């Protein structure tokens, strides 16, 4: 076999391996992703909040893992941020929340412009407490091999599922509120890049 053929074969193998490693795992692109939740106080006053820092990975086998830095909660009001961190989420003991799920591996290889609406069922952990959670998600393949996942409808979290009732009561008392809803709509738009 000539040297040029050997070199060509070696190059083809190298490119193939490079392509495999590039698409073997998708990483959450924080700059093009958002996580939001809505709180309601005094029955009728609803406000949207977000988390500024989070990370995640989607493997070629469909394993999804998201980690949220709870200390990055942003409500626009600094004292409320601090109260949520300490009194609700107990960040001194639990500084992160997580979501773990298993997707169909075929969903990690969508073509550009291809869209799929799926139910993503997994387990969420907040303040050390786990509960099963499902999201209705629209997945869209992007040109560079990325995948965007956006909630088709918000998912309603019940704070009681995560044993956060005492934290809610403490927040209600310190802020002198008549009520704080124990159901919280959560939505997101997440882009995973190769």
N, C-alpha and C. Protein backbone atom coordinates (compact mmCIF):
# COMPACT_ATOMS: atom_id res chain seq x y z
N UNK A 1 0.85 -1.19 0.00
CA UNK A 1 0.00 0.00 0.00
C UNK A 1 0.88 1.24 0.00
N UNK A 2 0.57 2.18 -0.90
CA UNK A 2 1.41 3.36 -1.01
C UNK A 2 1.25 4.26 0.21
N UNK A 3 2.26 5.12 0.40
CA UNK A 3 2.26 6.03 1.55
C UNK A 3 1.08 6.98 1.48
N UNK A 4 0.72 7.46 0.27
CA UNK A 4 -0.39 8.40 0.14
C UNK A 4 -1.71 7.76 0.54
N UNK A 5 -1.88 6.47 0.19
CA UNK A 5 -3.11 5.77 0.55
C UNK A 5 -3.18 5.59 2.06
N UNK A 6 -2.03 5.20 2.65
CA UNK A 6 -1.97 5.03 4.10
C UNK A 6 -2.33 6.34 4.80
N UNK A 7 -1.76 7.44 4.28
CA UNK A 7 -2.05 8.75 4.88
C UNK A 7 -3.52 9.11 4.75
N UNK A 8 -4.11 8.79 3.60
CA UNK A 8 -5.51 9.09 3.37
C UNK A 8 -6.41 8.30 4.31
N UNK A 9 -6.06 7.01 4.47
CA UNK A 9 -6.82 6.16 5.39
C UNK A 9 -6.70 6.67 6.82
N UNK A 10 -5.48 7.04 7.20
CA UNK A 10 -5.25 7.55 8.56
C UNK A 10 -6.04 8.84 8.79
N UNK A 11 -6.07 9.70 7.77
CA UNK A 11 -6.80 10.96 7.89
C UNK A 11 -8.30 10.69 8.03
N UNK A 12 -8.80 9.75 7.24
CA UNK A 12 -10.23 9.43 7.29
C UNK A 12 -10.61 8.89 8.67
N UNK A 13 -9.75 8.02 9.23
CA UNK A 13 -10.01 7.46 10.56
C UNK A 13 -9.98 8.57 11.60
N UNK A 14 -8.99 9.46 11.50
CA UNK A 14 -8.87 10.56 12.45
C UNK A 14 -10.09 11.47 12.41
N UNK A 15 -10.57 11.79 11.20
CA UNK A 15 -11.75 12.63 11.07
C UNK A 15 -12.99 11.94 11.62
N UNK A 16 -13.06 10.64 11.38
CA UNK A 16 -14.21 9.88 11.88
C UNK A 16 -14.23 9.88 13.40
N UNK A 17 -13.06 9.64 14.02
CA UNK A 17 -12.98 9.63 15.48
C UNK A 17 -13.25 11.01 16.03
N UNK A 18 -12.76 12.03 15.33
CA UNK A 18 -12.99 13.41 15.78
C UNK A 18 -14.47 13.72 15.76
N UNK A 19 -15.14 13.29 14.67
CA UNK A 19 -16.57 13.55 14.56
C UNK A 19 -17.33 12.82 15.65
N UNK A 20 -16.91 11.59 15.95
CA UNK A 20 -17.59 10.81 16.98
C UNK A 20 -17.45 11.48 18.34
N UNK A 21 -16.24 11.93 18.65
CA UNK A 21 -16.03 12.53 19.96
C UNK A 21 -16.74 13.87 20.07
N UNK A 22 -16.85 14.57 18.93
CA UNK A 22 -17.52 15.86 18.95
C UNK A 22 -18.99 15.70 19.29
N UNK A 23 -19.64 14.68 18.74
CA UNK A 23 -21.07 14.52 18.93
C UNK A 23 -21.42 13.49 20.01
N UNK A 24 -20.39 12.94 20.66
CA UNK A 24 -20.66 11.94 21.69
C UNK A 24 -21.40 12.55 22.86
N UNK A 25 -21.22 13.83 23.11
CA UNK A 25 -21.89 14.48 24.24
C UNK A 25 -22.20 15.92 23.90
N UNK A 26 -23.39 16.35 24.27
CA UNK A 26 -23.79 17.73 24.07
C UNK A 26 -23.75 18.44 25.42
N UNK A 27 -23.28 19.68 25.41
CA UNK A 27 -23.12 20.45 26.65
C UNK A 27 -24.05 21.65 26.63
N UNK A 28 -24.69 21.91 27.76
CA UNK A 28 -25.62 23.03 27.87
C UNK A 28 -24.90 24.35 27.65
N UNK A 29 -25.42 25.13 26.72
CA UNK A 29 -24.86 26.44 26.41
C UNK A 29 -25.60 27.49 27.25
N UNK A 30 -24.98 27.90 28.34
CA UNK A 30 -25.64 28.79 29.30
C UNK A 30 -25.99 30.14 28.68
N UNK A 31 -25.18 30.59 27.72
CA UNK A 31 -25.42 31.90 27.10
C UNK A 31 -26.70 31.92 26.28
N UNK A 32 -27.16 30.75 25.85
CA UNK A 32 -28.36 30.67 25.02
C UNK A 32 -29.44 29.84 25.70
N UNK A 33 -29.47 29.88 27.04
CA UNK A 33 -30.44 29.08 27.79
C UNK A 33 -30.99 29.89 28.96
N UNK A 34 -32.20 29.58 29.36
CA UNK A 34 -32.83 30.25 30.51
C UNK A 34 -33.66 29.25 31.31
N UNK A 35 -33.72 29.48 32.62
CA UNK A 35 -34.58 28.70 33.51
C UNK A 35 -35.39 29.70 34.32
N UNK A 36 -36.72 29.61 34.24
CA UNK A 36 -37.59 30.57 34.92
C UNK A 36 -38.63 29.86 35.78
N UNK A 37 -39.03 30.53 36.86
CA UNK A 37 -40.16 30.05 37.65
C UNK A 37 -40.98 31.24 38.12
N UNK A 38 -42.23 30.98 38.44
CA UNK A 38 -43.16 32.04 38.83
C UNK A 38 -43.64 31.80 40.25
N UNK A 39 -43.57 32.84 41.08
CA UNK A 39 -44.13 32.77 42.43
C UNK A 39 -45.36 33.67 42.50
N UNK A 40 -46.32 33.27 43.32
CA UNK A 40 -47.54 34.06 43.49
C UNK A 40 -47.75 34.34 44.97
N UNK A 41 -47.90 35.61 45.30
CA UNK A 41 -48.12 36.02 46.69
C UNK A 41 -49.44 36.76 46.81
N UNK A 42 -50.01 36.72 48.01
CA UNK A 42 -51.28 37.40 48.27
C UNK A 42 -52.33 37.07 47.21
N UNK A 43 -52.32 35.82 46.78
CA UNK A 43 -53.30 35.21 45.86
C UNK A 43 -53.22 35.67 44.41
N UNK A 44 -52.97 36.96 44.16
CA UNK A 44 -53.10 37.46 42.80
C UNK A 44 -51.84 38.11 42.23
N UNK A 45 -50.77 38.22 43.01
CA UNK A 45 -49.56 38.91 42.54
C UNK A 45 -48.51 37.86 42.13
N UNK A 46 -48.30 37.74 40.83
CA UNK A 46 -47.34 36.75 40.32
C UNK A 46 -46.11 37.46 39.76
N UNK A 47 -44.94 36.87 40.00
CA UNK A 47 -43.67 37.44 39.54
C UNK A 47 -42.80 36.34 38.96
N UNK A 48 -42.06 36.69 37.91
CA UNK A 48 -41.16 35.73 37.27
C UNK A 48 -39.75 35.88 37.82
N UNK A 49 -39.12 34.76 38.15
CA UNK A 49 -37.76 34.74 38.66
C UNK A 49 -36.92 33.81 37.79
N UNK A 50 -35.62 33.86 37.96
CA UNK A 50 -34.74 33.02 37.15
C UNK A 50 -33.54 32.56 37.95
N UNK A 51 -32.77 31.67 37.36
CA UNK A 51 -31.47 31.27 37.90
C UNK A 51 -30.41 31.68 36.89
N UNK A 52 -29.35 32.31 37.37
CA UNK A 52 -28.32 32.82 36.46
C UNK A 52 -27.22 31.82 36.14
N UNK A 53 -27.03 30.82 36.99
CA UNK A 53 -25.94 29.87 36.78
C UNK A 53 -26.46 28.44 36.83
N UNK A 54 -26.16 27.70 35.77
CA UNK A 54 -26.56 26.30 35.69
C UNK A 54 -25.69 25.62 34.65
N UNK A 55 -25.67 24.31 34.66
CA UNK A 55 -24.86 23.55 33.70
C UNK A 55 -25.61 22.26 33.37
N UNK A 56 -25.18 21.59 32.31
CA UNK A 56 -25.84 20.36 31.96
C UNK A 56 -25.16 19.63 30.82
N UNK A 57 -25.51 18.36 30.69
CA UNK A 57 -24.95 17.51 29.64
C UNK A 57 -26.02 16.56 29.13
N UNK A 58 -25.96 16.27 27.83
CA UNK A 58 -26.83 15.28 27.21
C UNK A 58 -25.93 14.32 26.44
N UNK A 59 -25.87 13.08 26.91
CA UNK A 59 -24.97 12.11 26.29
C UNK A 59 -25.59 11.51 25.03
N UNK A 60 -24.76 10.88 24.21
CA UNK A 60 -25.26 10.25 22.99
C UNK A 60 -26.22 9.12 23.29
N UNK A 61 -26.17 8.59 24.52
CA UNK A 61 -27.09 7.53 24.92
C UNK A 61 -28.38 8.08 25.51
N UNK A 62 -28.51 9.43 25.51
CA UNK A 62 -29.74 10.05 25.96
C UNK A 62 -29.81 10.41 27.43
N UNK A 63 -28.71 10.24 28.16
CA UNK A 63 -28.74 10.60 29.57
C UNK A 63 -28.64 12.12 29.72
N UNK A 64 -29.62 12.69 30.38
CA UNK A 64 -29.68 14.13 30.60
C UNK A 64 -29.41 14.45 32.06
N UNK A 65 -28.51 15.39 32.31
CA UNK A 65 -28.19 15.80 33.68
C UNK A 65 -28.07 17.32 33.72
N UNK A 66 -28.91 17.96 34.54
CA UNK A 66 -28.90 19.41 34.70
C UNK A 66 -28.61 19.74 36.15
N UNK A 67 -27.72 20.69 36.39
CA UNK A 67 -27.41 21.15 37.75
C UNK A 67 -27.62 22.66 37.80
N UNK A 68 -28.36 23.11 38.82
CA UNK A 68 -28.66 24.53 38.99
C UNK A 68 -27.99 25.05 40.25
N UNK A 69 -27.25 26.13 40.12
CA UNK A 69 -26.64 26.79 41.28
C UNK A 69 -27.74 27.61 41.96
N UNK A 70 -28.21 27.11 43.11
CA UNK A 70 -29.32 27.75 43.80
C UNK A 70 -28.98 29.16 44.27
N UNK A 71 -27.71 29.40 44.58
CA UNK A 71 -27.32 30.74 45.06
C UNK A 71 -27.46 31.79 43.97
N UNK A 72 -27.68 31.35 42.72
CA UNK A 72 -27.81 32.30 41.61
C UNK A 72 -29.26 32.71 41.35
N UNK A 73 -30.17 32.36 42.27
CA UNK A 73 -31.57 32.75 42.09
C UNK A 73 -31.66 34.27 41.97
N UNK A 74 -32.43 34.73 41.01
CA UNK A 74 -32.55 36.17 40.76
C UNK A 74 -34.02 36.57 40.71
N UNK A 75 -34.42 37.37 41.71
CA UNK A 75 -35.80 37.84 41.81
C UNK A 75 -35.89 39.35 41.60
N UNK A 76 -34.77 39.99 41.29
CA UNK A 76 -34.64 41.44 41.09
C UNK A 76 -34.53 42.19 42.41
N UNK A 77 -34.93 41.56 43.51
CA UNK A 77 -34.85 42.20 44.83
C UNK A 77 -33.80 41.48 45.66
N UNK A 78 -32.64 42.12 45.94
CA UNK A 78 -31.54 41.45 46.63
C UNK A 78 -31.92 40.78 47.95
N UNK A 79 -32.71 41.45 48.80
CA UNK A 79 -33.06 40.85 50.09
C UNK A 79 -33.93 39.62 49.90
N UNK A 80 -34.76 39.64 48.85
CA UNK A 80 -35.59 38.46 48.57
C UNK A 80 -34.73 37.32 48.05
N UNK A 81 -33.73 37.63 47.24
CA UNK A 81 -32.78 36.60 46.80
C UNK A 81 -32.16 35.91 48.01
N UNK A 82 -31.69 36.73 48.95
CA UNK A 82 -31.01 36.20 50.14
C UNK A 82 -31.95 35.36 50.99
N UNK A 83 -33.17 35.83 51.15
CA UNK A 83 -34.14 35.08 51.96
C UNK A 83 -34.48 33.74 51.31
N UNK A 84 -34.65 33.73 49.99
CA UNK A 84 -34.92 32.47 49.30
C UNK A 84 -33.76 31.50 49.46
N UNK A 85 -32.55 32.02 49.29
CA UNK A 85 -31.36 31.18 49.41
C UNK A 85 -31.28 30.51 50.78
N UNK A 86 -31.47 31.31 51.82
CA UNK A 86 -31.27 30.82 53.18
C UNK A 86 -32.49 30.13 53.77
N UNK A 87 -33.66 30.75 53.61
CA UNK A 87 -34.85 30.27 54.32
C UNK A 87 -35.64 29.22 53.55
N UNK A 88 -35.57 29.28 52.23
CA UNK A 88 -36.31 28.31 51.41
C UNK A 88 -35.43 27.16 50.95
N UNK A 89 -34.31 27.51 50.29
CA UNK A 89 -33.47 26.49 49.69
C UNK A 89 -32.37 25.96 50.61
N UNK A 90 -32.12 26.65 51.72
CA UNK A 90 -31.11 26.20 52.70
C UNK A 90 -29.76 25.94 52.02
N UNK A 91 -29.22 27.00 51.38
CA UNK A 91 -28.01 26.80 50.59
C UNK A 91 -26.76 26.49 51.42
N UNK A 92 -26.84 26.70 52.72
CA UNK A 92 -25.68 26.34 53.55
C UNK A 92 -25.47 24.83 53.54
N UNK A 93 -26.54 24.07 53.32
CA UNK A 93 -26.44 22.60 53.25
C UNK A 93 -26.62 22.06 51.83
N UNK A 94 -27.41 22.77 51.02
CA UNK A 94 -27.71 22.29 49.66
C UNK A 94 -27.56 23.46 48.68
N UNK A 95 -26.41 23.53 48.02
CA UNK A 95 -26.15 24.69 47.15
C UNK A 95 -26.55 24.46 45.70
N UNK A 96 -27.13 23.30 45.40
CA UNK A 96 -27.53 23.06 44.02
C UNK A 96 -28.80 22.21 43.96
N UNK A 97 -29.52 22.37 42.86
CA UNK A 97 -30.66 21.51 42.54
C UNK A 97 -30.29 20.76 41.27
N UNK A 98 -30.97 19.65 41.02
CA UNK A 98 -30.61 18.86 39.84
C UNK A 98 -31.83 18.20 39.22
N UNK A 99 -31.68 17.87 37.93
CA UNK A 99 -32.70 17.11 37.21
C UNK A 99 -32.00 16.05 36.38
N UNK A 100 -32.41 14.80 36.54
CA UNK A 100 -31.82 13.67 35.82
C UNK A 100 -32.91 12.96 35.04
N UNK A 101 -32.66 12.65 33.78
CA UNK A 101 -33.65 11.94 32.96
C UNK A 101 -32.95 11.10 31.90
N UNK A 102 -33.71 10.17 31.33
CA UNK A 102 -33.22 9.34 30.24
C UNK A 102 -34.09 9.57 29.02
N UNK A 103 -33.48 10.04 27.93
CA UNK A 103 -34.20 10.28 26.67
C UNK A 103 -33.90 9.17 25.67
N UNK A 104 -34.74 9.05 24.68
CA UNK A 104 -34.46 8.18 23.55
C UNK A 104 -33.19 8.70 22.87
N UNK A 105 -32.15 7.87 22.73
CA UNK A 105 -30.89 8.33 22.12
C UNK A 105 -31.07 8.96 20.75
N UNK A 106 -32.10 8.55 20.01
CA UNK A 106 -32.34 9.10 18.67
C UNK A 106 -32.63 10.60 18.75
N UNK A 107 -33.12 11.07 19.88
CA UNK A 107 -33.45 12.48 20.03
C UNK A 107 -32.21 13.36 20.15
N UNK A 108 -31.05 12.76 20.35
CA UNK A 108 -29.81 13.53 20.45
C UNK A 108 -29.20 13.77 19.08
N UNK A 109 -29.83 13.25 18.04
CA UNK A 109 -29.27 13.33 16.68
C UNK A 109 -30.27 13.93 15.71
N UNK A 110 -30.99 14.95 16.13
CA UNK A 110 -31.97 15.58 15.24
C UNK A 110 -31.27 16.35 14.13
N UNK A 111 -31.85 16.31 12.94
CA UNK A 111 -31.33 17.08 11.81
C UNK A 111 -31.73 18.55 11.97
N UNK A 112 -31.00 19.44 11.30
CA UNK A 112 -31.30 20.87 11.37
C UNK A 112 -32.74 21.12 10.92
N UNK A 113 -33.51 21.79 11.76
CA UNK A 113 -34.90 22.08 11.45
C UNK A 113 -35.88 21.01 11.87
N UNK A 114 -35.39 19.84 12.23
CA UNK A 114 -36.27 18.75 12.67
C UNK A 114 -36.78 19.05 14.09
N UNK A 115 -38.08 18.84 14.30
CA UNK A 115 -38.68 19.13 15.60
C UNK A 115 -39.42 17.91 16.13
N UNK A 116 -39.33 17.71 17.44
CA UNK A 116 -40.04 16.62 18.09
C UNK A 116 -40.63 17.14 19.41
N UNK A 117 -41.89 16.82 19.65
CA UNK A 117 -42.49 17.13 20.94
C UNK A 117 -42.52 15.86 21.77
N UNK A 118 -41.91 15.90 22.94
CA UNK A 118 -41.77 14.70 23.76
C UNK A 118 -42.05 15.02 25.22
N UNK A 119 -42.35 13.97 25.97
CA UNK A 119 -42.45 14.09 27.42
C UNK A 119 -41.14 13.61 28.02
N UNK A 120 -40.49 14.48 28.77
CA UNK A 120 -39.23 14.12 29.42
C UNK A 120 -39.52 13.88 30.89
N UNK A 121 -39.48 12.62 31.29
CA UNK A 121 -39.77 12.25 32.67
C UNK A 121 -38.47 11.94 33.40
N UNK A 122 -38.32 12.49 34.58
CA UNK A 122 -37.09 12.26 35.33
C UNK A 122 -37.27 12.53 36.80
N UNK A 123 -36.17 12.77 37.46
CA UNK A 123 -36.17 12.99 38.91
C UNK A 123 -35.50 14.32 39.22
N UNK A 124 -36.18 15.15 39.98
CA UNK A 124 -35.62 16.43 40.38
C UNK A 124 -35.28 16.40 41.85
N UNK A 125 -34.17 17.04 42.20
CA UNK A 125 -33.77 17.14 43.60
C UNK A 125 -33.61 18.61 43.96
N UNK A 126 -34.30 19.03 45.02
CA UNK A 126 -34.21 20.39 45.54
C UNK A 126 -34.03 20.30 47.05
N UNK A 127 -33.04 20.98 47.57
CA UNK A 127 -32.77 21.00 49.02
C UNK A 127 -32.68 19.59 49.59
N UNK A 128 -32.09 18.68 48.83
CA UNK A 128 -31.86 17.33 49.31
C UNK A 128 -33.05 16.41 49.20
N UNK A 129 -34.16 16.88 48.64
CA UNK A 129 -35.37 16.08 48.52
C UNK A 129 -35.67 15.80 47.04
N UNK A 130 -35.98 14.53 46.74
CA UNK A 130 -36.21 14.11 45.36
C UNK A 130 -37.69 13.86 45.09
N UNK A 131 -38.09 14.13 43.85
CA UNK A 131 -39.46 13.86 43.41
C UNK A 131 -39.47 13.64 41.91
N UNK A 132 -40.37 12.76 41.41
CA UNK A 132 -40.48 12.56 39.97
C UNK A 132 -41.15 13.78 39.31
N UNK A 133 -40.61 14.20 38.18
CA UNK A 133 -41.12 15.38 37.47
C UNK A 133 -41.13 15.07 35.97
N UNK A 134 -42.14 15.57 35.27
CA UNK A 134 -42.19 15.43 33.81
C UNK A 134 -42.32 16.79 33.16
N UNK A 135 -41.68 16.95 32.01
CA UNK A 135 -41.75 18.18 31.25
C UNK A 135 -42.24 17.87 29.84
N UNK A 136 -43.16 18.69 29.32
CA UNK A 136 -43.54 18.62 27.91
C UNK A 136 -42.59 19.54 27.16
N UNK A 137 -41.80 18.96 26.28
CA UNK A 137 -40.68 19.69 25.66
C UNK A 137 -40.73 19.59 24.14
N UNK A 138 -40.41 20.70 23.49
CA UNK A 138 -40.21 20.70 22.04
C UNK A 138 -38.71 20.73 21.76
N UNK A 139 -38.22 19.69 21.10
CA UNK A 139 -36.81 19.60 20.73
C UNK A 139 -36.65 20.03 19.28
N UNK A 140 -35.64 20.85 19.02
CA UNK A 140 -35.39 21.33 17.66
C UNK A 140 -33.92 21.15 17.30
N UNK A 141 -33.64 20.51 16.18
CA UNK A 141 -32.27 20.37 15.71
C UNK A 141 -31.79 21.67 15.08
N UNK A 142 -30.55 22.06 15.38
CA UNK A 142 -29.97 23.29 14.85
C UNK A 142 -28.86 22.97 13.85
N UNK A 143 -28.44 23.98 13.07
CA UNK A 143 -27.50 23.76 11.97
C UNK A 143 -26.16 23.20 12.40
N UNK A 144 -25.65 23.63 13.56
CA UNK A 144 -24.31 23.20 13.97
C UNK A 144 -24.31 21.89 14.75
N UNK A 145 -25.43 21.18 14.74
CA UNK A 145 -25.51 19.93 15.49
C UNK A 145 -26.04 20.13 16.90
N UNK A 146 -26.33 21.39 17.25
CA UNK A 146 -26.90 21.67 18.56
C UNK A 146 -28.37 21.26 18.60
N UNK A 147 -28.90 21.17 19.80
CA UNK A 147 -30.32 20.86 20.00
C UNK A 147 -30.89 21.86 20.99
N UNK A 148 -32.03 22.45 20.63
CA UNK A 148 -32.72 23.34 21.57
C UNK A 148 -33.89 22.59 22.18
N UNK A 149 -34.03 22.70 23.49
CA UNK A 149 -35.15 22.09 24.20
C UNK A 149 -35.91 23.19 24.92
N UNK A 150 -37.18 23.36 24.56
CA UNK A 150 -38.01 24.41 25.16
C UNK A 150 -39.30 23.81 25.69
N UNK A 151 -39.69 24.20 26.88
CA UNK A 151 -40.92 23.68 27.44
C UNK A 151 -42.11 24.13 26.59
N UNK A 152 -42.95 23.17 26.21
CA UNK A 152 -44.15 23.48 25.44
C UNK A 152 -45.20 24.11 26.35
N UNK A 153 -45.23 23.67 27.58
CA UNK A 153 -46.08 24.24 28.62
C UNK A 153 -45.29 24.23 29.91
N UNK A 154 -45.54 25.17 30.82
CA UNK A 154 -44.82 25.15 32.10
C UNK A 154 -45.17 23.88 32.89
N UNK A 155 -44.23 23.40 33.65
CA UNK A 155 -44.48 22.29 34.57
C UNK A 155 -44.75 22.86 35.95
N UNK A 156 -45.80 22.38 36.60
CA UNK A 156 -46.16 22.88 37.92
C UNK A 156 -45.46 22.05 39.00
N UNK A 157 -44.59 22.70 39.76
CA UNK A 157 -43.94 22.04 40.88
C UNK A 157 -44.73 22.32 42.15
N UNK A 158 -44.87 21.31 42.99
CA UNK A 158 -45.52 21.47 44.29
C UNK A 158 -44.42 21.49 45.34
N UNK A 159 -44.31 22.59 46.08
CA UNK A 159 -43.21 22.72 47.04
C UNK A 159 -43.26 21.63 48.12
N UNK A 160 -44.47 21.09 48.38
CA UNK A 160 -44.60 20.04 49.39
C UNK A 160 -43.86 18.77 48.98
N UNK A 161 -43.75 18.55 47.66
CA UNK A 161 -43.03 17.37 47.17
C UNK A 161 -41.55 17.41 47.54
N UNK A 162 -41.05 18.62 47.84
CA UNK A 162 -39.64 18.78 48.18
C UNK A 162 -39.44 19.25 49.63
N UNK A 163 -40.50 19.08 50.42
CA UNK A 163 -40.45 19.43 51.85
C UNK A 163 -40.03 20.88 52.08
N UNK A 164 -40.59 21.77 51.27
CA UNK A 164 -40.24 23.19 51.39
C UNK A 164 -41.33 24.01 52.08
N UNK A 165 -42.30 23.33 52.68
CA UNK A 165 -43.43 24.03 53.31
C UNK A 165 -42.98 24.98 54.42
N UNK A 166 -42.05 24.53 55.25
CA UNK A 166 -41.59 25.38 56.35
C UNK A 166 -40.88 26.62 55.82
N UNK A 167 -40.14 26.46 54.74
CA UNK A 167 -39.46 27.60 54.14
C UNK A 167 -40.45 28.61 53.59
N UNK A 168 -41.51 28.11 52.95
CA UNK A 168 -42.55 28.99 52.43
C UNK A 168 -43.21 29.75 53.58
N UNK A 169 -43.51 29.05 54.66
CA UNK A 169 -44.14 29.69 55.82
C UNK A 169 -43.23 30.77 56.42
N UNK A 170 -41.93 30.49 56.46
CA UNK A 170 -40.97 31.46 57.01
C UNK A 170 -40.89 32.70 56.13
N UNK A 171 -40.88 32.50 54.81
CA UNK A 171 -40.86 33.64 53.89
C UNK A 171 -42.13 34.48 54.01
N UNK A 172 -43.24 33.79 54.12
CA UNK A 172 -44.52 34.50 54.25
C UNK A 172 -44.55 35.35 55.52
N UNK A 173 -44.03 34.80 56.59
CA UNK A 173 -44.04 35.52 57.87
C UNK A 173 -43.11 36.72 57.85
N UNK A 174 -41.89 36.54 57.38
CA UNK A 174 -40.91 37.63 57.43
C UNK A 174 -41.28 38.77 56.47
N UNK A 175 -41.98 38.43 55.37
CA UNK A 175 -42.38 39.46 54.40
C UNK A 175 -43.78 40.01 54.70
N UNK A 176 -44.39 39.47 55.78
CA UNK A 176 -45.72 39.92 56.20
C UNK A 176 -46.75 39.80 55.07
N UNK A 177 -46.77 38.62 54.46
CA UNK A 177 -47.69 38.36 53.36
C UNK A 177 -48.89 37.52 53.83
N UNK A 178 -50.01 37.69 53.16
CA UNK A 178 -51.19 36.89 53.49
C UNK A 178 -51.02 35.45 53.01
N UNK A 179 -50.33 35.29 51.88
CA UNK A 179 -50.15 33.94 51.34
C UNK A 179 -49.00 33.91 50.34
N UNK A 180 -48.42 32.73 50.17
CA UNK A 180 -47.49 32.43 49.08
C UNK A 180 -47.91 31.09 48.51
N UNK A 181 -48.15 31.04 47.22
CA UNK A 181 -48.62 29.81 46.59
C UNK A 181 -47.59 28.69 46.73
N UNK A 182 -48.08 27.49 46.96
CA UNK A 182 -47.19 26.33 47.07
C UNK A 182 -47.07 25.58 45.75
N UNK A 183 -47.67 26.11 44.70
CA UNK A 183 -47.47 25.55 43.36
C UNK A 183 -46.72 26.57 42.52
N UNK A 184 -45.69 26.09 41.83
CA UNK A 184 -44.77 26.99 41.14
C UNK A 184 -44.59 26.53 39.69
N UNK A 185 -45.04 27.31 38.72
CA UNK A 185 -44.79 26.97 37.32
C UNK A 185 -43.30 27.16 36.96
N UNK A 186 -42.72 26.15 36.33
CA UNK A 186 -41.32 26.18 35.92
C UNK A 186 -41.23 25.99 34.41
N UNK A 187 -40.43 26.82 33.75
CA UNK A 187 -40.23 26.68 32.30
C UNK A 187 -38.77 26.94 31.97
N UNK A 188 -38.36 26.50 30.78
CA UNK A 188 -36.98 26.70 30.38
C UNK A 188 -36.83 26.65 28.87
N UNK A 189 -35.74 27.21 28.41
CA UNK A 189 -35.28 27.04 27.04
C UNK A 189 -33.80 26.74 27.14
N UNK A 190 -33.40 25.56 26.68
CA UNK A 190 -32.02 25.12 26.85
C UNK A 190 -31.43 24.68 25.52
N UNK A 191 -30.25 25.20 25.20
CA UNK A 191 -29.55 24.81 23.98
C UNK A 191 -28.33 23.97 24.35
N UNK A 192 -28.24 22.79 23.76
CA UNK A 192 -27.12 21.89 24.00
C UNK A 192 -26.23 21.88 22.75
N UNK A 193 -24.95 22.18 22.95
CA UNK A 193 -24.01 22.27 21.82
C UNK A 193 -23.02 21.12 21.84
N UNK A 194 -22.57 20.69 20.64
CA UNK A 194 -21.55 19.64 20.57
C UNK A 194 -20.20 20.14 21.06
